[in-house]
Amino acid sequence: MEGLTRGYAARVVKDGITVNAVAPSLIDTEMMNERRDQYVARIPLGRMGAPEEVAQLVVMVLGN
């Protein structure tokens, strides 16, 4: 994801276009149910991110 973002950014910067990416880590969704405790044990904050937090970040990036 990072390489793709950097590649596009380098190609379109001359046209005044900026490229951004949001690549969150572990987000607490139904897909994480089976191993949630194992993942959370490795996170310094002690919890996964919430979908709402990712949505807020995307809105912030789009607003600039």
C-alpha atoms as a PDB file:
ATOM      1  CA  MET A   1       0.000   0.000   0.000  1.00  0.00           C
ATOM      2  CA  GLU A   2       2.775   2.407   0.891  1.00  0.00           C
ATOM      3  CA  GLY A   3       4.701   1.695  -2.298  1.00  0.00           C
ATOM      4  CA  LEU A   4       1.609   2.129  -4.447  1.00  0.00           C
ATOM      5  CA  THR A   5       0.797   5.412  -2.742  1.00  0.00           C
ATOM      6  CA  ARG A   6       4.327   6.735  -3.191  1.00  0.00           C
ATOM      7  CA  GLY A   7       4.377   5.645  -6.828  1.00  0.00           C
ATOM      8  CA  TYR A   8       1.131   7.420  -7.663  1.00  0.00           C
ATOM      9  CA  ALA A   9       2.185  10.493  -5.710  1.00  0.00           C
ATOM     10  CA  ALA A  10       5.433  10.743  -7.677  1.00  0.00           C
ATOM     11  CA  ARG A  11       3.603  10.390 -10.995  1.00  0.00           C
ATOM     12  CA  VAL A  12       0.860  12.964 -10.456  1.00  0.00           C
ATOM     13  CA  VAL A  13       2.570  15.626  -8.330  1.00  0.00           C
ATOM     14  CA  LYS A  14       3.453  17.633 -11.447  1.00  0.00           C
ATOM     15  CA  ASP A  15      -0.264  17.956 -12.155  1.00  0.00           C
ATOM     16  CA  GLY A  16      -0.898  19.394  -8.692  1.00  0.00           C
ATOM     17  CA  ILE A  17      -2.539  16.212  -7.443  1.00  0.00           C
ATOM     18  CA  THR A  18      -1.760  14.842  -4.002  1.00  0.00           C
ATOM     19  CA  VAL A  19      -2.114  11.210  -3.016  1.00  0.00           C
ATOM     20  CA  ASN A  20      -2.884   9.971   0.482  1.00  0.00           C
ATOM     21  CA  ALA A  21      -3.510   6.565   1.995  1.00  0.00           C
ATOM     22  CA  VAL A  22      -5.050   5.381   5.225  1.00  0.00           C
ATOM     23  CA  ALA A  23      -3.657   2.034   6.348  1.00  0.00           C
ATOM     24  CA  PRO A  24      -4.858   1.308   9.864  1.00  0.00           C
ATOM     25  CA  SER A  25      -3.533  -1.625  11.804  1.00  0.00           C
ATOM     26  CA  LEU A  26      -5.826  -3.923  13.764  1.00  0.00           C
ATOM     27  CA  ILE A  27      -9.439  -2.752  13.759  1.00  0.00           C
ATOM     28  CA  ASP A  28     -12.052  -4.356  15.993  1.00  0.00           C
ATOM     29  CA  THR A  29     -14.458  -5.989  13.530  1.00  0.00           C
ATOM     30  CA  GLU A  30     -16.266  -9.325  13.349  1.00  0.00           C
ATOM     31  CA  MET A  31     -13.347 -10.710  11.340  1.00  0.00           C
ATOM     32  CA  MET A  32     -11.174 -10.426  14.441  1.00  0.00           C
ATOM     33  CA  ASN A  33     -13.449 -12.430  16.778  1.00  0.00           C
ATOM     34  CA  GLU A  34     -11.486 -15.684  16.767  1.00  0.00           C
ATOM     35  CA  ARG A  35      -8.118 -14.255  17.804  1.00  0.00           C
ATOM     36  CA  ARG A  36      -9.097 -10.939  19.383  1.00  0.00           C
ATOM     37  CA  ASP A  37      -7.489 -11.700  22.756  1.00  0.00           C
ATOM     38  CA  GLN A  38      -4.202 -12.795  21.167  1.00  0.00           C
ATOM     39  CA  TYR A  39      -3.991  -9.608  19.124  1.00  0.00           C
ATOM     40  CA  VAL A  40      -4.981  -7.282  21.955  1.00  0.00           C
ATOM     41  CA  ALA A  41      -2.304  -8.790  24.198  1.00  0.00           C
ATOM     42  CA  ARG A  42       0.344  -7.452  21.767  1.00  0.00           C
ATOM     43  CA  ILE A  43      -1.054  -3.916  21.496  1.00  0.00           C
ATOM     44  CA  PRO A  44       0.540  -1.410  23.915  1.00  0.00           C
ATOM     45  CA  LEU A  45      -2.721   0.559  24.187  1.00  0.00           C
ATOM     46  CA  GLY A  46      -4.521  -2.636  25.212  1.00  0.00           C
ATOM     47  CA  ARG A  47      -7.252  -2.435  22.569  1.00  0.00           C
ATOM     48  CA  MET A  48      -7.790  -2.504  18.834  1.00  0.00           C
ATOM     49  CA  GLY A  49      -8.849   0.510  16.864  1.00  0.00           C
ATOM     50  CA  ALA A  50     -12.530   1.147  16.239  1.00  0.00           C
ATOM     51  CA  PRO A  51     -14.080   1.503  12.787  1.00  0.00           C
ATOM     52  CA  GLU A  52     -15.382   4.915  13.840  1.00  0.00           C
ATOM     53  CA  GLU A  53     -11.829   6.070  14.551  1.00  0.00           C
ATOM     54  CA  VAL A  54     -10.737   5.101  11.049  1.00  0.00           C
ATOM     55  CA  ALA A  55     -13.756   6.889   9.597  1.00  0.00           C
ATOM     56  CA  GLN A  56     -12.821  10.071  11.503  1.00  0.00           C
ATOM     57  CA  LEU A  57      -9.291   9.875  10.117  1.00  0.00           C
ATOM     58  CA  VAL A  58     -10.545   9.482   6.554  1.00  0.00           C
ATOM     59  CA  VAL A  59     -12.857  12.470   6.966  1.00  0.00           C
ATOM     60  CA  MET A  60      -9.942  14.502   8.307  1.00  0.00           C
ATOM     61  CA  VAL A  61      -7.719  13.587   5.344  1.00  0.00           C
ATOM     62  CA  LEU A  62     -10.495  14.379   2.870  1.00  0.00           C
ATOM     63  CA  GLY A  63     -11.101  17.738   4.500  1.00  0.00           C
ATOM     64  CA  ASN A  64      -7.646  19.071   3.690  1.00  0.00           C
END
